[in-house]
Structures are given as C-alpha cells and as structure tokens.
C-alpha cells in the first residue's frame, strides 16, 4: 500500500506513513470532521514512491565515512606542510652561487677589492 498523503510505501493496514502521521498529529482534527481526499492525477499515480528514510545504521555509516574523509584531509594537509617546510629550509640553507659567467675574481673586481 501507499501513503494517501505522500505516496510512500506503508505496511498493510496503515493509511499514512510515519512522517505524515507525525505531521498530522501536530495539527489534530475533530474526529467528526468529514474529510475528502482529492483524486490523484495519473502522473502522480505512476511516479515511483519516495525513498525510505535513512536508518540509524545508514546514518552511522555516513558519519564514519565523513570522519575518515576528514582524517585523510588532515593527513594530506600535514604532508603538504612538511613538504613546504622542507623546501623552505633547503632553499634557505643553500649558499648563493654566482650568476652564470661570473666567478670569484670578477665579483671582487666589481666591488673594487684586490685579491
């Protein structure tokens, strides 16, 4: 059977799904009130029912997957920071070499010192 309000699958003997029943419980109607349900269009009848709500197991699995993703992102960021730190240290610890075409004597000649 399908819920009369939203079209979700419901167990035999039920008229409304749990979500619709909870929503209707918030807005009670006098038991003697006559209610007419509108006829569903052909398009609504042929649509597939909505997805069932997530179970607790699905939610736990989703949270576990999110935590794993966060861990991988943190490890990737830490590795990236280590690479940047190593390259910065390597660049700062290297001695400055003269430009191409210059040697020790030509650098001293430019400053005016004699060897």
Protein backbone atom coordinates (compact mmCIF):
# COMPACT_ATOMS: atom_id res chain seq x y z
CA UNK A 1 0.00 0.00 0.00
CA UNK A 2 0.95 3.62 -0.36
CA UNK A 3 0.52 6.57 2.00
CA UNK A 4 -2.56 8.55 1.00
CA UNK A 5 -0.75 11.84 1.59
CA UNK A 6 2.74 11.43 0.08
CA UNK A 7 2.71 8.08 -1.74
CA UNK A 8 5.45 6.31 0.23
CA UNK A 9 5.20 2.57 0.78
CA UNK A 10 3.46 1.69 4.05
CA UNK A 11 2.80 -1.64 5.71
CA UNK A 12 -0.52 -3.38 5.20
CA UNK A 13 -3.30 -1.87 7.27
CA UNK A 14 -1.76 1.61 7.53
CA UNK A 15 -3.17 4.58 5.67
CA UNK A 16 -0.37 7.13 6.27
CA UNK A 17 3.40 6.76 6.62
CA UNK A 18 5.13 7.63 9.91
CA UNK A 19 6.30 11.04 8.67
CA UNK A 20 2.82 12.10 7.56
CA UNK A 21 1.22 10.68 10.72
CA UNK A 22 3.65 12.69 12.87
CA UNK A 23 2.93 15.84 10.88
CA UNK A 24 -0.83 15.34 11.18
CA UNK A 25 -0.52 14.66 14.92
CA UNK A 26 0.79 18.21 15.34
CA UNK A 27 -2.44 19.58 13.82
CA UNK A 28 -5.31 17.45 15.17
CA UNK A 29 -8.73 17.46 13.50
CA UNK A 30 -12.07 16.86 15.20
CA UNK A 31 -12.96 13.13 14.74
CA UNK A 32 -16.40 14.03 13.35
CA UNK A 33 -14.97 16.22 10.59
CA UNK A 34 -15.65 14.92 7.10
CA UNK A 35 -12.51 14.82 5.02
CA UNK A 36 -12.43 14.26 1.28
CA UNK A 37 -9.22 13.25 -0.37
CA UNK A 38 -8.54 14.75 -3.80
CA UNK A 39 -8.20 12.34 -6.70
CA UNK A 40 -4.60 11.81 -7.66
CA UNK A 41 -3.66 12.62 -11.20
CA UNK A 42 -2.44 9.87 -13.48
CA UNK A 43 1.10 11.32 -13.35
CA UNK A 44 1.23 11.10 -9.53
CA UNK A 45 -0.01 7.52 -9.61
CA UNK A 46 2.75 6.37 -11.97
CA UNK A 47 5.61 8.07 -10.10
CA UNK A 48 7.85 5.83 -8.09
CA UNK A 49 7.37 6.11 -4.33
CA UNK A 50 9.77 8.31 -2.41
CA UNK A 51 12.94 6.89 -0.97
CA UNK A 52 12.58 5.44 2.50
CA UNK A 53 14.06 7.45 5.33
CA UNK A 54 17.61 6.72 6.41
CA UNK A 55 18.05 4.10 9.06
CA UNK A 56 20.30 4.53 12.07
CA UNK A 57 22.79 2.12 10.52
CA UNK A 58 22.95 4.22 7.33
CA UNK A 59 23.45 7.37 9.39
CA UNK A 60 26.24 5.76 11.42
CA UNK A 61 27.95 4.62 8.21
CA UNK A 62 27.68 8.14 6.78
CA UNK A 63 29.22 9.67 9.93
CA UNK A 64 32.03 7.08 9.83
CA UNK A 65 32.74 7.91 6.17
CA UNK A 66 32.82 11.65 6.94
CA UNK A 67 35.26 11.09 9.81
CA UNK A 68 37.53 9.03 7.55
CA UNK A 69 37.43 11.76 4.91
CA UNK A 70 38.36 14.39 7.50
CA UNK A 71 41.27 12.24 8.68
CA UNK A 72 42.59 11.85 5.12
CA UNK A 73 42.31 15.58 4.52
CA UNK A 74 44.21 16.34 7.75
CA UNK A 75 46.95 13.87 6.84
CA UNK A 76 47.22 15.37 3.35
CA UNK A 77 47.48 18.89 4.78
CA UNK A 78 50.16 17.78 7.27
CA UNK A 79 52.18 16.15 4.47
CA UNK A 80 51.86 19.29 2.35
CA UNK A 81 53.02 21.48 5.25
CA UNK A 82 56.03 19.20 5.82
CA UNK A 83 56.98 19.43 2.13
CA UNK A 84 56.75 23.22 2.16
CA UNK A 85 58.81 23.42 5.37
CA UNK A 86 61.49 21.10 3.95
CA UNK A 87 61.73 23.03 0.67
CA UNK A 88 61.91 26.34 2.53
CA UNK A 89 64.67 25.04 4.82
CA UNK A 90 66.56 23.64 1.83
CA UNK A 91 66.32 26.95 -0.05
CA UNK A 92 67.46 28.99 2.96
CA UNK A 93 70.39 26.69 3.78
CA UNK A 94 71.93 26.77 0.28
CA UNK A 95 74.80 29.14 -0.39
CA UNK A 96 74.23 31.76 -3.02
CA UNK A 97 76.18 30.86 -6.14
CA UNK A 98 77.42 33.48 -8.56
CA UNK A 99 75.42 34.08 -11.70
CA UNK A 100 76.39 32.31 -14.89
CA UNK A 101 79.53 33.86 -16.37
CA UNK A 102 80.76 35.29 -13.07
CA UNK A 103 83.50 33.79 -10.95
CA UNK A 104 85.15 34.76 -7.72
CA UNK A 105 87.62 37.20 -9.35
CA UNK A 106 85.02 39.05 -11.42
CA UNK A 107 82.85 39.57 -8.34
CA UNK A 108 85.78 41.05 -6.41
CA UNK A 109 86.70 43.29 -9.37
CA UNK A 110 83.21 44.78 -9.37
CA UNK A 111 83.43 45.69 -5.67
CA UNK A 112 86.83 47.32 -6.05
CA UNK A 113 88.77 44.94 -3.80
CA UNK A 114 92.00 43.31 -4.84
CA UNK A 115 92.73 39.67 -4.21
